[in-house]
Protein backbone atom coordinates (compact mmCIF):
# COMPACT_ATOMS: atom_id res chain seq x y z
CA MET A 1 195.64 118.22 30.68
CA ARG A 2 193.97 121.30 29.24
CA THR A 3 192.06 119.04 26.83
CA VAL A 4 190.87 116.82 29.68
CA ARG A 5 189.74 119.85 31.69
CA GLY A 6 187.93 121.23 28.67
CA TRP A 7 186.19 117.90 28.07
CA PHE A 8 185.16 117.70 31.73
CA ARG A 9 183.84 121.27 31.65
CA ASP A 10 181.86 120.60 28.47
CA THR A 11 180.47 117.38 29.92
CA ALA A 12 179.62 118.30 33.51
CA GLY A 13 180.21 122.03 33.96
CA GLY A 14 177.54 124.63 34.61
CA LEU A 15 174.73 122.31 35.73
CA PRO A 16 172.53 123.43 38.66
CA ARG A 17 173.28 122.26 42.19
CA SER A 18 169.82 120.67 42.46
CA PHE A 19 170.69 118.45 39.53
CA TRP A 20 173.77 117.15 41.32
CA TYR A 21 171.76 116.29 44.43
CA LEU A 22 169.35 114.34 42.25
CA TRP A 23 172.32 112.73 40.51
CA THR A 24 173.84 111.69 43.84
CA GLY A 25 170.54 110.22 44.99
CA THR A 26 170.31 108.25 41.76
CA LEU A 27 173.81 106.86 42.17
CA ILE A 28 173.26 105.77 45.78
CA ASN A 29 169.91 104.22 44.99
CA ARG A 30 171.29 102.26 42.05
CA LEU A 31 174.29 101.03 44.02
CA GLY A 32 171.77 99.08 46.08
CA SER A 33 169.46 98.05 43.23
CA PHE A 34 169.90 94.37 43.93
CA VAL A 35 166.41 92.92 43.96
CA LEU A 36 165.13 93.29 40.42
CA ILE A 37 168.43 92.07 38.97
CA PHE A 38 168.14 88.73 40.74
CA LEU A 39 164.39 88.43 41.27
CA ALA A 40 163.90 85.78 38.57
CA ILE A 41 166.73 83.68 39.99
CA TYR A 42 165.48 84.20 43.56
CA LEU A 43 161.96 83.11 42.68
CA THR A 44 162.97 80.00 40.74
CA ARG A 45 165.91 78.76 42.80
CA GLU A 46 165.24 80.00 46.34
CA ARG A 47 161.43 79.95 46.41
CA GLY A 48 161.02 77.00 44.00
CA PHE A 49 158.57 78.71 41.65
CA SER A 50 158.33 77.74 37.99
CA ALA A 51 159.52 80.02 35.19
CA VAL A 52 155.90 80.90 34.39
CA GLN A 53 155.16 81.73 38.05
CA ALA A 54 158.31 83.83 38.24
CA GLY A 55 157.24 85.63 35.07
CA LEU A 56 153.83 86.27 36.61
CA VAL A 57 155.35 87.79 39.76
CA ILE A 58 157.67 90.03 37.76
CA GLY A 59 154.72 90.91 35.57
CA LEU A 60 152.75 92.00 38.65
CA TRP A 61 155.67 94.24 39.53
CA GLY A 62 155.05 95.84 36.16
CA VAL A 63 151.29 96.10 36.76
CA GLY A 64 151.97 97.85 40.05
CA GLY A 65 154.41 100.10 38.23
CA ALA A 66 151.72 101.04 35.71
CA ILE A 67 149.45 102.08 38.56
CA GLY A 68 152.30 103.89 40.27
CA THR A 69 153.36 105.93 37.27
CA THR A 70 149.77 106.87 36.45
CA VAL A 71 149.02 108.11 39.95
CA GLY A 72 152.56 109.43 40.38
CA GLY A 73 152.26 111.53 37.23
CA THR A 74 149.09 113.19 38.49
CA LEU A 75 150.51 113.73 41.97
CA THR A 76 153.63 115.25 40.43
CA ASP A 77 151.59 117.98 38.76
CA ARG A 78 148.94 118.48 41.45
CA TRP A 79 150.72 117.73 44.72
CA GLY A 80 154.33 118.48 43.77
CA ARG A 81 157.54 116.75 42.71
CA ARG A 82 159.18 116.63 46.11
CA PRO A 83 156.34 115.13 48.22
CA THR A 84 155.64 112.59 45.49
CA LEU A 85 159.28 111.48 45.45
CA LEU A 86 159.47 111.24 49.23
CA THR A 87 156.24 109.24 49.53
CA ALA A 88 157.27 106.89 46.75
CA HIS A 89 160.74 106.21 48.17
CA LEU A 90 159.49 105.62 51.73
CA GLY A 91 156.78 103.27 50.50
CA ALA A 92 159.23 101.40 48.27
CA ALA A 93 161.70 100.86 51.11
CA THR A 94 158.94 99.45 53.33
CA MET A 95 157.62 97.10 50.66
CA MET A 96 161.14 95.98 49.74
CA VAL A 97 161.56 94.50 53.21
CA GLY A 98 158.05 93.04 53.06
CA LEU A 99 158.76 91.27 49.77
CA GLY A 100 161.96 89.81 51.19
CA LEU A 101 160.05 88.32 54.13
CA ALA A 102 157.12 86.99 52.06
CA ARG A 103 156.95 83.22 51.53
CA PRO A 104 153.67 81.97 49.90
CA LEU A 105 153.20 82.72 46.21
CA TRP A 106 150.21 84.99 46.86
CA ALA A 107 152.18 87.06 49.39
CA VAL A 108 155.14 87.38 47.04
CA ALA A 109 152.77 88.42 44.24
CA VAL A 110 151.05 91.08 46.35
CA GLY A 111 154.42 92.34 47.60
CA ALA A 112 155.73 92.66 44.04
CA LEU A 113 152.57 94.50 42.98
CA LEU A 114 152.81 97.07 45.80
CA LEU A 115 156.57 97.46 45.48
CA GLY A 116 156.21 98.14 41.77
CA ALA A 117 153.56 100.79 42.48
CA PHE A 118 155.68 102.71 45.01
CA ALA A 119 158.99 102.32 43.19
CA GLU A 120 157.68 103.49 39.83
CA ALA A 121 155.56 106.33 41.23
CA ALA A 122 158.84 108.20 41.65
CA ARG A 123 159.70 108.11 37.94
CA PRO A 124 157.39 110.90 36.69
CA ALA A 125 158.33 113.18 39.59
CA PHE A 126 162.03 112.58 39.10
CA GLY A 127 161.83 113.10 35.34
CA ALA A 128 159.77 116.28 35.73
CA MET A 129 162.14 117.66 38.37
CA MET A 130 165.14 117.02 36.11
CA VAL A 131 163.45 118.93 33.29
CA ASP A 132 162.48 121.72 35.73
CA VAL A 133 165.98 122.40 37.03
CA VAL A 134 168.07 121.90 33.88
CA PRO A 135 167.88 124.46 31.02
CA GLU A 136 166.89 123.06 27.63
CA LYS A 137 170.37 123.58 26.15
CA ASP A 138 171.95 121.39 28.88
CA ARG A 139 169.40 118.58 29.02
CA LEU A 140 171.13 116.16 26.67
CA ARG A 141 174.30 116.06 28.75
CA ALA A 142 172.35 116.20 32.04
CA PHE A 143 170.28 113.15 31.12
CA SER A 144 173.43 111.42 29.88
CA LEU A 145 175.19 112.11 33.19
CA ASN A 146 172.21 110.80 35.12
CA TYR A 147 172.10 107.72 32.92
CA TRP A 148 175.83 107.30 33.55
CA ALA A 149 175.18 107.34 37.33
CA ILE A 150 172.37 104.80 36.93
CA ASN A 151 174.66 102.39 35.15
CA LEU A 152 177.68 102.96 37.37
CA GLY A 153 175.46 101.93 40.27
CA PHE A 154 173.97 99.09 38.23
CA ALA A 155 177.38 97.67 37.25
CA CYS A 156 178.51 97.63 40.88
CA ALA A 157 175.16 96.31 42.11
CA ALA A 158 175.13 93.42 39.63
CA VAL A 159 178.50 92.14 40.84
CA LEU A 160 177.83 92.79 44.54
CA ALA A 161 174.38 91.22 44.34
CA GLY A 162 175.85 88.01 42.97
CA LEU A 163 178.17 87.84 45.95
CA ALA A 164 175.52 88.89 48.47
CA ALA A 165 173.15 86.24 47.17
CA GLU A 166 175.60 83.60 48.31
CA ALA A 167 175.26 84.94 51.87
CA GLY A 168 171.46 84.97 51.71
CA TYR A 169 168.86 86.56 49.47
CA LEU A 170 167.27 88.52 52.32
CA LEU A 171 170.40 90.67 52.40
CA LEU A 172 169.60 91.85 48.87
CA PHE A 173 166.22 93.20 49.98
CA LEU A 174 167.62 94.89 53.09
CA VAL A 175 170.43 96.68 51.25
CA ASP A 176 168.05 97.79 48.50
CA ALA A 177 165.65 99.24 51.09
CA SER A 178 168.50 101.04 52.87
CA THR A 179 169.78 102.81 49.78
CA THR A 180 166.22 103.85 48.89
CA LEU A 181 165.89 105.48 52.31
CA VAL A 182 169.21 107.31 51.86
CA THR A 183 167.95 108.69 48.56
CA ALA A 184 164.77 109.89 50.26
CA LEU A 185 166.89 111.62 52.92
CA ILE A 186 168.93 113.47 50.28
CA ILE A 187 165.78 114.68 48.54
CA PHE A 188 164.19 115.74 51.83
CA THR A 189 167.19 117.73 53.05
CA ARG A 190 168.71 119.10 49.84
CA VAL A 191 166.15 119.41 47.04
CA LYS A 192 163.46 122.08 47.06
CA GLU A 193 160.13 121.88 45.29
CA THR A 194 160.44 122.76 41.57
CA ARG A 195 156.81 122.55 40.45
CA THR A 196 155.54 125.57 38.55
CA ALA A 197 152.11 126.52 37.28
CA PRO A 198 150.99 128.51 34.26
CA VAL A 199 150.22 132.16 34.80
CA ALA A 200 146.68 133.38 34.25
CA VAL A 201 147.20 134.03 30.54
CA VAL A 202 147.93 130.84 28.64
CA THR A 203 149.42 131.14 25.19
CA LYS A 204 148.01 129.35 22.20
CA GLY A 205 149.05 125.69 22.00
CA ALA A 206 149.66 125.26 25.73
CA ALA A 207 147.69 122.62 27.55
CA ALA A 208 145.62 123.34 30.61
CA PRO A 209 145.73 120.84 33.47
CA ALA A 210 141.92 120.54 33.53
CA GLY A 211 142.01 118.91 30.07
CA ALA A 212 144.91 116.60 30.81
CA LEU A 213 143.32 113.36 29.68
CA ARG A 214 141.80 114.85 26.53
CA THR A 215 145.05 116.60 25.65
CA ILE A 216 147.12 113.45 25.92
CA LEU A 217 144.62 111.23 24.10
CA ARG A 218 144.51 113.69 21.22
CA ASP A 219 148.29 113.92 21.01
CA ARG A 220 148.78 111.18 18.42
CA VAL A 221 152.40 112.09 17.81
CA PHE A 222 153.23 111.64 21.47
CA LEU A 223 151.20 108.43 21.83
CA GLY A 224 152.92 106.99 18.76
CA PHE A 225 156.27 107.68 20.39
CA VAL A 226 155.08 105.98 23.58
CA ALA A 227 153.96 102.93 21.57
CA LEU A 228 157.38 102.63 19.93
CA ASN A 229 159.04 102.77 23.33
CA LEU A 230 156.69 100.01 24.51
CA PHE A 231 157.87 97.66 21.75
CA ALA A 232 161.51 98.48 22.41
CA ALA A 233 160.97 97.88 26.13
CA LEU A 234 159.36 94.47 25.47
CA VAL A 235 162.66 93.42 23.93
CA PHE A 236 164.94 95.17 26.38
CA LEU A 237 163.32 93.86 29.55
CA GLN A 238 164.01 90.27 28.60
CA HIS A 239 167.43 90.83 30.19
CA ILE A 240 165.71 90.84 33.57
CA SER A 241 163.31 87.93 33.15
CA MET A 242 164.28 85.41 30.46
CA LEU A 243 168.04 86.01 30.15
CA PRO A 244 168.92 84.78 33.67
CA ILE A 245 166.72 81.72 33.14
CA ALA A 246 168.35 81.01 29.78
CA MET A 247 171.80 81.31 31.30
CA GLY A 248 170.76 78.98 34.11
CA ASP A 249 169.65 76.42 31.52
CA SER A 250 173.16 76.68 30.05
CA GLY A 251 174.58 75.62 33.41
CA LEU A 252 175.76 79.08 34.49
CA SER A 253 175.52 80.25 38.11
CA PRO A 254 173.73 83.37 39.47
CA ALA A 255 177.14 84.94 40.15
CA THR A 256 178.07 84.39 36.52
CA TYR A 257 174.86 86.05 35.38
CA GLY A 258 175.67 88.99 37.67
CA SER A 259 179.12 89.35 36.13
CA VAL A 260 177.82 89.10 32.56
CA ILE A 261 174.99 91.58 33.06
CA ALA A 262 177.43 93.92 34.82
CA LEU A 263 179.13 94.33 31.43
CA ASN A 264 176.09 96.37 30.47
CA GLY A 265 176.74 98.90 33.20
CA VAL A 266 180.52 98.90 32.73
CA LEU A 267 180.26 99.68 29.01
CA ILE A 268 177.81 102.49 29.66
CA VAL A 269 179.99 103.94 32.43
CA ILE A 270 182.97 103.98 30.07
CA GLY A 271 181.21 105.17 26.94
CA GLN A 272 178.10 107.14 27.91
CA LEU A 273 179.97 110.36 28.69
CA PHE A 274 181.07 110.48 25.05
CA VAL A 275 177.66 109.69 23.53
CA PRO A 276 176.19 113.24 23.71
CA ARG A 277 179.00 114.62 21.56
CA LEU A 278 178.68 111.65 19.18
CA ILE A 279 174.95 112.14 18.55
CA SER A 280 174.74 115.91 18.97
CA GLY A 281 173.35 117.56 15.84
CA ARG A 282 172.28 114.25 14.30
CA SER A 283 168.71 113.30 13.44
CA ARG A 284 167.09 111.84 16.56
CA SER A 285 164.91 109.63 14.38
CA HIS A 286 167.99 108.10 12.77
CA VAL A 287 169.68 107.65 16.15
CA LEU A 288 166.59 105.98 17.66
CA ALA A 289 166.20 103.74 14.60
CA LEU A 290 169.83 102.65 14.79
CA ALA A 291 169.46 102.02 18.54
CA ALA A 292 166.40 99.80 18.00
CA LEU A 293 168.17 97.85 15.27
CA ILE A 294 171.30 97.25 17.36
CA MET A 295 169.27 96.15 20.40
CA GLY A 296 167.26 93.77 18.23
CA VAL A 297 170.42 92.21 16.80
CA GLY A 298 171.99 91.88 20.24
CA PHE A 299 169.03 90.12 21.79
CA GLY A 300 168.50 88.03 18.64
CA LEU A 301 172.03 86.63 18.89
CA THR A 302 171.18 85.29 22.36
CA ALA A 303 169.43 82.45 20.52
CA PHE A 304 172.88 81.06 19.66
CA ALA A 305 174.63 81.72 22.99
CA ASP A 306 175.58 78.84 25.27
CA THR A 307 178.84 79.96 26.88
CA VAL A 308 179.84 82.87 29.11
CA TRP A 309 181.73 84.77 26.41
CA LEU A 310 178.87 84.44 23.89
CA TYR A 311 176.33 85.74 26.40
CA GLY A 312 178.75 88.53 27.23
CA LEU A 313 179.06 89.44 23.54
CA THR A 314 175.30 89.71 23.13
CA VAL A 315 175.09 91.97 26.19
CA LEU A 316 177.77 94.26 24.79
CA ILE A 317 175.93 94.54 21.46
CA TRP A 318 172.50 95.45 22.83
CA THR A 319 174.14 97.78 25.34
CA LEU A 320 175.46 99.86 22.43
CA GLY A 321 171.88 100.29 21.26
CA GLU A 322 170.75 101.20 24.75
CA MET A 323 173.44 103.88 25.00
CA LEU A 324 172.17 105.55 21.82
CA ASN A 325 168.52 105.18 22.78
CA SER A 326 168.44 106.60 26.30
CA PRO A 327 169.62 110.23 25.90
CA SER A 328 167.68 110.69 22.65
CA ASN A 329 164.53 109.33 24.30
CA ALA A 330 164.95 111.55 27.36
CA THR A 331 165.45 114.81 25.46
CA LEU A 332 162.64 114.07 23.02
CA ILE A 333 160.09 113.27 25.73
CA ALA A 334 161.03 116.53 27.46
CA GLU A 335 160.36 118.49 24.28
CA LEU A 336 157.07 116.70 23.55
CA SER A 337 155.68 117.51 27.03
CA PRO A 338 153.72 120.76 27.54
CA ALA A 339 155.02 122.51 30.66
CA ALA A 340 151.65 122.50 32.45
CA LEU A 341 151.33 118.72 32.01
CA ARG A 342 154.96 117.72 32.33
CA GLY A 343 154.40 115.28 35.19
CA ARG A 344 151.52 113.50 33.48
CA TYR A 345 153.33 113.28 30.16
CA GLN A 346 156.30 111.79 32.02
CA GLY A 347 153.87 109.40 33.71
CA VAL A 348 152.35 108.24 30.43
CA PHE A 349 155.79 107.71 28.93
CA SER A 350 156.82 105.74 32.02
CA LEU A 351 153.62 103.74 31.58
CA SER A 352 155.09 102.22 28.41
CA TRP A 353 157.88 100.80 30.55
CA GLN A 354 155.44 99.49 33.12
CA LEU A 355 153.22 97.84 30.54
CA ALA A 356 156.32 96.21 29.13
CA GLY A 357 157.41 95.28 32.63
CA ALA A 358 154.07 93.56 33.19
CA SER A 359 153.86 91.78 29.84
CA ALA A 360 157.49 91.12 28.82
CA PRO A 361 158.19 88.37 31.41
CA ILE A 362 154.80 86.73 30.86
CA LEU A 363 154.96 86.84 27.05
CA GLY A 364 158.62 85.85 27.11
CA GLY A 365 157.94 82.92 29.42
CA LEU A 366 154.98 81.69 27.37
CA LEU A 367 156.80 82.02 24.04
CA ARG A 368 159.84 80.27 25.43
CA GLU A 369 157.71 77.48 26.88
CA GLN A 370 155.59 76.97 23.76
CA ALA A 371 158.04 77.66 20.91
CA GLY A 372 161.46 77.35 22.51
CA ASN A 373 164.37 79.54 23.46
CA THR A 374 165.45 80.25 19.87
CA ALA A 375 162.02 81.52 18.83
CA LEU A 376 161.96 83.96 21.77
CA TRP A 377 165.22 85.67 20.87
CA LEU A 378 164.57 85.73 17.13
CA ALA A 379 161.21 87.38 17.85
CA CYS A 380 163.14 90.06 19.76
CA ALA A 381 165.27 90.66 16.68
CA ALA A 382 162.18 91.02 14.47
CA ILE A 383 160.61 93.55 16.84
CA GLY A 384 163.83 95.57 16.83
CA VAL A 385 163.86 95.78 13.03
CA LEU A 386 160.19 96.82 12.81
CA THR A 387 160.68 99.45 15.54
CA ALA A 388 163.66 100.90 13.68
CA ILE A 389 161.67 101.26 10.45
CA THR A 390 158.79 102.95 12.26
CA HIS A 391 161.13 105.46 13.92
CA LEU A 392 162.35 106.53 10.49
CA VAL A 393 158.80 107.00 9.23
CA SER A 394 157.39 108.83 12.26
CA GLY A 395 160.43 110.96 13.16
CA PRO A 396 159.63 114.10 11.12
CA ALA A 397 156.19 114.48 12.72
CA ARG A 398 157.75 114.31 16.21
CA GLU A 399 160.25 117.02 15.39
CA ARG A 400 157.51 119.30 14.02
CA ARG A 401 155.49 118.75 17.21
CA ALA A 402 158.53 119.58 19.39
CA ALA A 403 159.14 122.77 17.40
CA GLN A 404 155.50 123.83 17.86
CA LEU A 405 155.71 123.39 21.62
CA ARG A 406 158.94 125.38 21.80
CA ALA A 407 157.33 128.20 19.83
CA ALA A 408 154.19 128.16 22.03
CA GLY A 409 156.01 128.07 25.39
CA THR A 410 153.93 129.16 28.38
CA PRO A 411 155.36 131.60 30.95
CA VAL A 412 155.37 130.07 34.38
CA ALA A 413 155.34 131.35 37.93
CA PRO A 414 156.36 129.61 41.19
CA VAL A 415 153.65 127.81 43.12
CA THR A 416 153.16 127.94 46.89
CA LEU A 417 152.44 124.38 47.92
CA ALA A 418 151.63 124.76 51.60
CA ARG A 419 147.87 124.85 51.03
CA THR A 420 147.68 122.45 48.10
CA PRO A 421 145.98 119.21 49.19
CA ALA A 422 146.92 115.86 47.76
CA PRO A 423 144.31 114.54 45.34
CA GLU A 424 142.37 111.45 46.24
CA ALA A 425 142.95 108.23 44.37
CA ALA A 426 139.71 108.45 42.41
CA GLU A 427 140.53 111.95 41.18
CA ALA A 428 144.02 110.84 40.22
CA ALA A 429 142.67 107.94 38.22
CA ALA A 430 140.14 110.11 36.42
CA ALA A 431 142.51 112.97 35.61
CA SER A 432 145.46 110.87 34.52
CA PRO A 433 145.54 108.54 31.53
CA ALA A 434 145.95 104.82 31.83
CA GLU A 435 149.44 104.86 31.38
CA PRO A 436 158.49 101.58 33.00
CA VAL A 437 161.48 99.13 34.36
CA ARG A 438 164.94 98.25 34.27
CA ALA A 439 167.21 96.95 36.94
CA GLY A 440 169.56 99.79 36.39
CA SER A 441 167.63 102.44 34.60
């Protein structure tokens, strides 16, 4: 018993109260994250769209997400974390209902675009707020706990969504909107603003907000890391778009897909709490390389799957890679982000997910249509191998950059937000770089 208490204390003890409110909001939101899990099935079976049309709609979700994270990153730094989160969640809940009621292809496409923009605008603010409230020494386990909550909600949502879909797909949209509103309520009532600003004297190496775009474009180490995440995301996001279609071609039902993909969340819920101790003190470059390799192998084996247990096995394999990738990614992006530009750096990193979200379903659908199912999944394996090799080559430069930023830390002082106006869209687009999705993360 003493060992269990000690493990629990080492895993979850000592974290700030604000973190636990954010964690609770994440869990509730993900418990209702029905729509994106089943969107491909909904579009092809319920709405009668082709696989290419479904890929286009999901791709527009990603395009909207790219816009959302770009603007959201700027708003996070200029307007504040809390108002950005609230606006994004309220807008997402509204558009979720709108997408569920849309019928023509153009209306569904526009709804997906706007929903993606609102939903993903919250990512930079949430990531920045997590970094703000959790001390550096506790971030690995804090991000792991948050990731655990994401996947606990995802595992439950995947199973419940398969059952709810039998009662009517509109129910999926309504439940998703409701849990988004509950999350907004928690943030509004329990989480205070955490944005800080540099004091008048800025130490050498710290970035000033006025040079945000130039600073990010010159940060080749950071942009290289973002590019690697983009390639990994192109592979990973096939589980949302092409995997349910492939399973449907194998004669498997939407409920079966929900059960199989729920294995992803179940494995993470069981194992993710032990991952921080497993990878602590190890080279992040080696961990990220191993994660990319395992994910590539897992998705590559999908080329040979045609039964429930084979699909389940592939999901379990690439999930292991995901479990290694997520906490290492989260802590590294926190260390590569200058404090004064934390929101925009988070936004640019999220942009890699949104670009993948926009292109993965379209590229996957075209490759599958032109070259076949086997070629699609083997291409995923090849990308995983190349990404792993590049992580090994580029890792030392990232660690040197992180050490430089730690040594050149800028003192910060609280900001009074009452008189800070929200920037206009044109200013946001100019100040923030052109910059993101998973059903459960």
